[in-house]
Amino acid sequence: MKALRHCFGRNVRLTDERLAHILERPEMKQMGDELEHVLRQPQFCRRSRSDDAFVVTAYLTDKPKAGEDLWPIK
């Protein structure tokens, strides 16, 4: 398990099982090294409906889920 720091300065946990799940997606297969960078400097961050202290999944999208904008700070 890795502890990764996110854009708000706190650590989130990324288990080996969750990392394997993320990298199973064809579009994410080569992006394992980018996860830490994206957590530290995302394009934007929205509050999810279920707030967790660990990485559950990651995916590319052109249609982000609805939610309260948290980053960038305005």
PDB file of N, CA and C in Angstrom:
ATOM      1  N   MET A   1       0.855  -1.177   0.000  1.00  0.00           N
ATOM      2  CA  MET A   1       0.000   0.000   0.000  1.00  0.00           C
ATOM      3  C   MET A   1       0.897   1.235   0.000  1.00  0.00           C
ATOM      4  N   LYS A   2       0.488   2.228  -0.790  1.00  0.00           N
ATOM      5  CA  LYS A   2       1.217   3.489  -0.865  1.00  0.00           C
ATOM      6  C   LYS A   2       0.378   4.589  -0.243  1.00  0.00           C
ATOM      7  N   ALA A   3       1.048   5.543   0.366  1.00  0.00           N
ATOM      8  CA  ALA A   3       0.390   6.762   0.829  1.00  0.00           C
ATOM      9  C   ALA A   3       0.790   7.863  -0.147  1.00  0.00           C
ATOM     10  N   LEU A   4      -0.201   8.484  -0.758  1.00  0.00           N
ATOM     11  CA  LEU A   4       0.031   9.542  -1.739  1.00  0.00           C
ATOM     12  C   LEU A   4      -0.549  10.844  -1.213  1.00  0.00           C
ATOM     13  N   ARG A   5       0.153  11.932  -1.417  1.00  0.00           N
ATOM     14  CA  ARG A   5      -0.323  13.247  -0.963  1.00  0.00           C
ATOM     15  C   ARG A   5      -1.166  13.874  -2.067  1.00  0.00           C
ATOM     16  N   HIS A   6      -2.323  14.425  -1.697  1.00  0.00           N
ATOM     17  CA  HIS A   6      -3.172  15.060  -2.709  1.00  0.00           C
ATOM     18  C   HIS A   6      -3.048  16.573  -2.670  1.00  0.00           C
ATOM     19  N   CYS A   7      -3.781  17.250  -3.532  1.00  0.00           N
ATOM     20  CA  CYS A   7      -3.642  18.695  -3.731  1.00  0.00           C
ATOM     21  C   CYS A   7      -3.959  19.516  -2.487  1.00  0.00           C
ATOM     22  N   PHE A   8      -4.612  18.934  -1.502  1.00  0.00           N
ATOM     23  CA  PHE A   8      -4.929  19.644  -0.266  1.00  0.00           C
ATOM     24  C   PHE A   8      -3.921  19.342   0.841  1.00  0.00           C
ATOM     25  N   GLY A   9      -2.861  18.571   0.502  1.00  0.00           N
ATOM     26  CA  GLY A   9      -1.785  18.318   1.445  1.00  0.00           C
ATOM     27  C   GLY A   9      -1.971  17.126   2.367  1.00  0.00           C
ATOM     28  N   ARG A  10      -3.045  16.404   2.208  1.00  0.00           N
ATOM     29  CA  ARG A  10      -3.277  15.219   3.046  1.00  0.00           C
ATOM     30  C   ARG A  10      -2.893  13.959   2.286  1.00  0.00           C
ATOM     31  N   ASN A  11      -2.691  12.889   3.021  1.00  0.00           N
ATOM     32  CA  ASN A  11      -2.365  11.606   2.408  1.00  0.00           C
ATOM     33  C   ASN A  11      -3.621  10.786   2.166  1.00  0.00           C
ATOM     34  N   VAL A  12      -3.642  10.081   1.054  1.00  0.00           N
ATOM     35  CA  VAL A  12      -4.680   9.093   0.759  1.00  0.00           C
ATOM     36  C   VAL A  12      -3.973   7.768   0.504  1.00  0.00           C
ATOM     37  N   ARG A  13      -4.670   6.686   0.758  1.00  0.00           N
ATOM     38  CA  ARG A  13      -4.076   5.363   0.605  1.00  0.00           C
ATOM     39  C   ARG A  13      -4.445   4.761  -0.741  1.00  0.00           C
ATOM     40  N   LEU A  14      -3.465   4.130  -1.360  1.00  0.00           N
ATOM     41  CA  LEU A  14      -3.664   3.404  -2.610  1.00  0.00           C
ATOM     42  C   LEU A  14      -3.160   1.988  -2.385  1.00  0.00           C
ATOM     43  N   THR A  15      -4.094   1.036  -2.283  1.00  0.00           N
ATOM     44  CA  THR A  15      -3.706  -0.349  -2.046  1.00  0.00           C
ATOM     45  C   THR A  15      -3.240  -0.990  -3.348  1.00  0.00           C
ATOM     46  N   ASP A  16      -2.484  -2.063  -3.235  1.00  0.00           N
ATOM     47  CA  ASP A  16      -2.033  -2.803  -4.415  1.00  0.00           C
ATOM     48  C   ASP A  16      -3.226  -3.327  -5.210  1.00  0.00           C
ATOM     49  N   GLU A  17      -4.273  -3.744  -4.522  1.00  0.00           N
ATOM     50  CA  GLU A  17      -5.469  -4.265  -5.190  1.00  0.00           C
ATOM     51  C   GLU A  17      -6.157  -3.175  -6.013  1.00  0.00           C
ATOM     52  N   ARG A  18      -6.274  -1.972  -5.449  1.00  0.00           N
ATOM     53  CA  ARG A  18      -6.921  -0.869  -6.167  1.00  0.00           C
ATOM     54  C   ARG A  18      -6.071  -0.412  -7.343  1.00  0.00           C
ATOM     55  N   LEU A  19      -4.744  -0.378  -7.173  1.00  0.00           N
ATOM     56  CA  LEU A  19      -3.862  -0.015  -8.272  1.00  0.00           C
ATOM     57  C   LEU A  19      -4.010  -1.011  -9.417  1.00  0.00           C
ATOM     58  N   ALA A  20      -4.058  -2.302  -9.099  1.00  0.00           N
ATOM     59  CA  ALA A  20      -4.247  -3.325 -10.130  1.00  0.00           C
ATOM     60  C   ALA A  20      -5.584  -3.126 -10.839  1.00  0.00           C
ATOM     61  N   HIS A  21      -6.636  -2.798 -10.080  1.00  0.00           N
ATOM     62  CA  HIS A  21      -7.967  -2.547 -10.657  1.00  0.00           C
ATOM     63  C   HIS A  21      -7.905  -1.375 -11.640  1.00  0.00           C
ATOM     64  N   ILE A  22      -7.250  -0.292 -11.243  1.00  0.00           N
ATOM     65  CA  ILE A  22      -7.130   0.893 -12.099  1.00  0.00           C
ATOM     66  C   ILE A  22      -6.385   0.558 -13.388  1.00  0.00           C
ATOM     67  N   LEU A  23      -5.281  -0.170 -13.257  1.00  0.00           N
ATOM     68  CA  LEU A  23      -4.436  -0.454 -14.415  1.00  0.00           C
ATOM     69  C   LEU A  23      -5.010  -1.527 -15.335  1.00  0.00           C
ATOM     70  N   GLU A  24      -6.108  -2.181 -14.923  1.00  0.00           N
ATOM     71  CA  GLU A  24      -6.802  -3.137 -15.805  1.00  0.00           C
ATOM     72  C   GLU A  24      -7.514  -2.422 -16.946  1.00  0.00           C
ATOM     73  N   ARG A  25      -7.886  -1.174 -16.743  1.00  0.00           N
ATOM     74  CA  ARG A  25      -8.583  -0.410 -17.779  1.00  0.00           C
ATOM     75  C   ARG A  25      -7.608  -0.130 -18.921  1.00  0.00           C
ATOM     76  N   PRO A  26      -8.002  -0.425 -20.163  1.00  0.00           N
ATOM     77  CA  PRO A  26      -7.090  -0.235 -21.292  1.00  0.00           C
ATOM     78  C   PRO A  26      -6.506   1.179 -21.381  1.00  0.00           C
ATOM     79  N   GLU A  27      -7.327   2.194 -21.128  1.00  0.00           N
ATOM     80  CA  GLU A  27      -6.850   3.574 -21.243  1.00  0.00           C
ATOM     81  C   GLU A  27      -5.926   3.979 -20.095  1.00  0.00           C
ATOM     82  N   MET A  28      -5.919   3.205 -19.006  1.00  0.00           N
ATOM     83  CA  MET A  28      -5.097   3.526 -17.838  1.00  0.00           C
ATOM     84  C   MET A  28      -3.835   2.675 -17.737  1.00  0.00           C
ATOM     85  N   LYS A  29      -3.723   1.673 -18.573  1.00  0.00           N
ATOM     86  CA  LYS A  29      -2.646   0.681 -18.488  1.00  0.00           C
ATOM     87  C   LYS A  29      -1.252   1.302 -18.371  1.00  0.00           C
ATOM     88  N   GLN A  30      -0.979   2.359 -19.111  1.00  0.00           N
ATOM     89  CA  GLN A  30       0.337   2.993 -19.124  1.00  0.00           C
ATOM     90  C   GLN A  30       0.421   4.220 -18.215  1.00  0.00           C
ATOM     91  N   MET A  31      -0.593   4.435 -17.385  1.00  0.00           N
ATOM     92  CA  MET A  31      -0.647   5.683 -16.617  1.00  0.00           C
ATOM     93  C   MET A  31      -0.362   5.518 -15.127  1.00  0.00           C
ATOM     94  N   GLY A  32       0.123   4.368 -14.713  1.00  0.00           N
ATOM     95  CA  GLY A  32       0.393   4.131 -13.299  1.00  0.00           C
ATOM     96  C   GLY A  32       1.307   5.166 -12.675  1.00  0.00           C
ATOM     97  N   ASP A  33       2.314   5.599 -13.418  1.00  0.00           N
ATOM     98  CA  ASP A  33       3.261   6.586 -12.894  1.00  0.00           C
ATOM     99  C   ASP A  33       2.650   7.983 -12.791  1.00  0.00           C
ATOM    100  N   GLU A  34       1.540   8.218 -13.454  1.00  0.00           N
ATOM    101  CA  GLU A  34       0.904   9.542 -13.444  1.00  0.00           C
ATOM    102  C   GLU A  34      -0.039   9.754 -12.262  1.00  0.00           C
ATOM    103  N   LEU A  35      -0.439   8.691 -11.580  1.00  0.00           N
ATOM    104  CA  LEU A  35      -1.441   8.818 -10.517  1.00  0.00           C
ATOM    105  C   LEU A  35      -1.011   9.796  -9.430  1.00  0.00           C
ATOM    106  N   GLU A  36       0.224   9.698  -8.979  1.00  0.00           N
ATOM    107  CA  GLU A  36       0.692  10.591  -7.928  1.00  0.00           C
ATOM    108  C   GLU A  36       0.686  12.041  -8.401  1.00  0.00           C
ATOM    109  N   HIS A  37       1.129  12.285  -9.625  1.00  0.00           N
ATOM    110  CA  HIS A  37       1.139  13.644 -10.183  1.00  0.00           C
ATOM    111  C   HIS A  37      -0.280  14.210 -10.274  1.00  0.00           C
ATOM    112  N   VAL A  38      -1.208  13.407 -10.741  1.00  0.00           N
ATOM    113  CA  VAL A  38      -2.591  13.869 -10.897  1.00  0.00           C
ATOM    114  C   VAL A  38      -3.226  14.173  -9.543  1.00  0.00           C
ATOM    115  N   LEU A  39      -2.910  13.389  -8.527  1.00  0.00           N
ATOM    116  CA  LEU A  39      -3.439  13.689  -7.192  1.00  0.00           C
ATOM    117  C   LEU A  39      -2.893  15.008  -6.651  1.00  0.00           C
ATOM    118  N   ARG A  40      -1.636  15.300  -6.927  1.00  0.00           N
ATOM    119  CA  ARG A  40      -1.019  16.536  -6.430  1.00  0.00           C
ATOM    120  C   ARG A  40      -1.440  17.762  -7.224  1.00  0.00           C
ATOM    121  N   GLN A  41      -1.635  17.592  -8.546  1.00  0.00           N
ATOM    122  CA  GLN A  41      -1.953  18.738  -9.403  1.00  0.00           C
ATOM    123  C   GLN A  41      -3.073  18.393 -10.376  1.00  0.00           C
ATOM    124  N   PRO A  42      -4.283  18.201  -9.880  1.00  0.00           N
ATOM    125  CA  PRO A  42      -5.392  17.850 -10.769  1.00  0.00           C
ATOM    126  C   PRO A  42      -5.869  19.053 -11.574  1.00  0.00           C
ATOM    127  N   GLN A  43      -6.570  18.781 -12.672  1.00  0.00           N
ATOM    128  CA  GLN A  43      -7.221  19.868 -13.415  1.00  0.00           C
ATOM    129  C   GLN A  43      -8.339  20.443 -12.566  1.00  0.00           C
ATOM    130  N   PHE A  44      -9.078  19.564 -11.909  1.00  0.00           N
ATOM    131  CA  PHE A  44     -10.121  19.975 -10.973  1.00  0.00           C
ATOM    132  C   PHE A  44     -10.406  18.822 -10.035  1.00  0.00           C
ATOM    133  N   CYS A  45     -11.092  19.142  -8.960  1.00  0.00           N
ATOM    134  CA  CYS A  45     -11.458  18.130  -7.970  1.00  0.00           C
ATOM    135  C   CYS A  45     -12.871  18.446  -7.512  1.00  0.00           C
ATOM    136  N   ARG A  46     -13.697  17.424  -7.452  1.00  0.00           N
ATOM    137  CA  ARG A  46     -15.072  17.589  -6.983  1.00  0.00           C
ATOM    138  C   ARG A  46     -15.334  16.640  -5.830  1.00  0.00           C
ATOM    139  N   ARG A  47     -16.164  17.103  -4.894  1.00  0.00           N
ATOM    140  CA  ARG A  47     -16.565  16.251  -3.771  1.00  0.00           C
ATOM    141  C   ARG A  47     -17.466  15.145  -4.308  1.00  0.00           C
ATOM    142  N   SER A  48     -17.161  13.923  -3.938  1.00  0.00           N
ATOM    143  CA  SER A  48     -17.998  12.814  -4.380  1.00  0.00           C
ATOM    144  C   SER A  48     -19.163  12.638  -3.410  1.00  0.00           C
ATOM    145  N   ARG A  49     -20.127  11.885  -3.827  1.00  0.00           N
ATOM    146  CA  ARG A  49     -21.274  11.622  -2.950  1.00  0.00           C
ATOM    147  C   ARG A  49     -20.884  10.704  -1.800  1.00  0.00           C
ATOM    148  N   SER A  50     -19.861   9.878  -2.014  1.00  0.00           N
ATOM    149  CA  SER A  50     -19.325   9.051  -0.928  1.00  0.00           C
ATOM    150  C   SER A  50     -17.872   9.453  -0.738  1.00  0.00           C
ATOM    151  N   ASP A  51     -17.566  10.041   0.398  1.00  0.00           N
ATOM    152  CA  ASP A  51     -16.238  10.600   0.665  1.00  0.00           C
ATOM    153  C   ASP A  51     -15.373   9.552   1.347  1.00  0.00           C
ATOM    154  N   ASP A  52     -14.289   9.122   0.696  1.00  0.00           N
ATOM    155  CA  ASP A  52     -13.398   8.100   1.235  1.00  0.00           C
ATOM    156  C   ASP A  52     -11.997   8.659   1.409  1.00  0.00           C
ATOM    157  N   ALA A  53     -11.210   8.045   2.287  1.00  0.00           N
ATOM    158  CA  ALA A  53      -9.832   8.482   2.526  1.00  0.00           C
ATOM    159  C   ALA A  53      -8.838   7.596   1.787  1.00  0.00           C
ATOM    160  N   PHE A  54      -9.302   6.955   0.730  1.00  0.00           N
ATOM    161  CA  PHE A  54      -8.397   6.145  -0.077  1.00  0.00           C
ATOM    162  C   PHE A  54      -8.844   6.172  -1.516  1.00  0.00           C
ATOM    163  N   VAL A  55      -7.912   5.873  -2.415  1.00  0.00           N
ATOM    164  CA  VAL A  55      -8.220   5.853  -3.841  1.00  0.00           C
ATOM    165  C   VAL A  55      -9.036   4.604  -4.140  1.00  0.00           C
ATOM    166  N   VAL A  56     -10.198   4.786  -4.746  1.00  0.00           N
ATOM    167  CA  VAL A  56     -11.061   3.662  -5.098  1.00  0.00           C
ATOM    168  C   VAL A  56     -10.864   3.303  -6.561  1.00  0.00           C
ATOM    169  N   THR A  57     -10.861   4.307  -7.428  1.00  0.00           N
ATOM    170  CA  THR A  57     -10.680   4.060  -8.852  1.00  0.00           C
ATOM    171  C   THR A  57     -10.145   5.319  -9.521  1.00  0.00           C
ATOM    172  N   ALA A  58      -9.755   5.187 -10.756  1.00  0.00           N
ATOM    173  CA  ALA A  58      -9.313   6.317 -11.567  1.00  0.00           C
ATOM    174  C   ALA A  58      -9.655   5.989 -13.013  1.00  0.00           C
ATOM    175  N   TYR A  59     -10.049   6.996 -13.758  1.00  0.00           N
ATOM    176  CA  TYR A  59     -10.392   6.784 -15.160  1.00  0.00           C
ATOM    177  C   TYR A  59     -10.341   8.115 -15.888  1.00  0.00           C
ATOM    178  N   LEU A  60     -10.210   8.052 -17.189  1.00  0.00           N
ATOM    179  CA  LEU A  60     -10.250   9.244 -18.025  1.00  0.00           C
ATOM    180  C   LEU A  60     -11.698   9.511 -18.402  1.00  0.00           C
ATOM    181  N   THR A  61     -12.072  10.781 -18.461  1.00  0.00           N
ATOM    182  CA  THR A  61     -13.438  11.120 -18.840  1.00  0.00           C
ATOM    183  C   THR A  61     -13.483  12.500 -19.479  1.00  0.00           C
ATOM    184  N   ASP A  62     -14.458  12.699 -20.336  1.00  0.00           N
ATOM    185  CA  ASP A  62     -14.701  14.036 -20.866  1.00  0.00           C
ATOM    186  C   ASP A  62     -16.012  14.581 -20.310  1.00  0.00           C
ATOM    187  N   LYS A  63     -16.621  13.813 -19.384  1.00  0.00           N
ATOM    188  CA  LYS A  63     -17.884  14.222 -18.768  1.00  0.00           C
ATOM    189  C   LYS A  63     -17.809  13.930 -17.261  1.00  0.00           C
ATOM    190  N   PRO A  64     -17.210  14.846 -16.489  1.00  0.00           N
ATOM    191  CA  PRO A  64     -17.062  14.629 -15.048  1.00  0.00           C
ATOM    192  C   PRO A  64     -18.407  14.497 -14.339  1.00  0.00           C
ATOM    193  N   LYS A  65     -18.403  13.758 -13.256  1.00  0.00           N
ATOM    194  CA  LYS A  65     -19.602  13.589 -12.433  1.00  0.00           C
ATOM    195  C   LYS A  65     -19.982  14.911 -11.790  1.00  0.00           C
ATOM    196  N   ALA A  66     -21.246  15.043 -11.453  1.00  0.00           N
ATOM    197  CA  ALA A  66     -21.725  16.242 -10.774  1.00  0.00           C
ATOM    198  C   ALA A  66     -21.176  16.269  -9.352  1.00  0.00           C
ATOM    199  N   GLY A  67     -21.039  17.458  -8.803  1.00  0.00           N
ATOM    200  CA  GLY A  67     -20.574  17.595  -7.435  1.00  0.00           C
ATOM    201  C   GLY A  67     -20.052  18.985  -7.167  1.00  0.00           C
ATOM    202  N   GLU A  68     -19.796  19.249  -5.907  1.00  0.00           N
ATOM    203  CA  GLU A  68     -19.275  20.545  -5.483  1.00  0.00           C
ATOM    204  C   GLU A  68     -17.812  20.664  -5.918  1.00  0.00           C
ATOM    205  N   ASP A  69     -17.472  21.759  -6.604  1.00  0.00           N
ATOM    206  CA  ASP A  69     -16.094  21.994  -7.011  1.00  0.00           C
ATOM    207  C   ASP A  69     -15.244  22.331  -5.785  1.00  0.00           C
ATOM    208  N   LEU A  70     -14.129  21.609  -5.632  1.00  0.00           N
ATOM    209  CA  LEU A  70     -13.206  21.843  -4.528  1.00  0.00           C
ATOM    210  C   LEU A  70     -11.861  22.385  -4.987  1.00  0.00           C
ATOM    211  N   TRP A  71     -11.513  22.108  -6.248  1.00  0.00           N
ATOM    212  CA  TRP A  71     -10.210  22.506  -6.797  1.00  0.00           C
ATOM    213  C   TRP A  71     -10.404  22.831  -8.259  1.00  0.00           C
ATOM    214  N   PRO A  72      -9.849  23.842  -8.821  1.00  0.00           N
ATOM    215  CA  PRO A  72      -8.974  24.776  -8.129  1.00  0.00           C
ATOM    216  C   PRO A  72      -9.756  25.669  -7.182  1.00  0.00           C
ATOM    217  N   ILE A  73      -9.053  26.142  -6.186  1.00  0.00           N
ATOM    218  CA  ILE A  73      -9.678  27.011  -5.187  1.00  0.00           C
ATOM    219  C   ILE A  73      -9.902  28.372  -5.832  1.00  0.00           C
ATOM    220  N   LYS A  74     -11.137  28.841  -5.759  1.00  0.00           N
ATOM    221  CA  LYS A  74     -11.486  30.118  -6.412  1.00  0.00           C
ATOM    222  C   LYS A  74     -11.633  31.235  -5.419  1.00  0.00           C
TER     223      LYS A  74
END
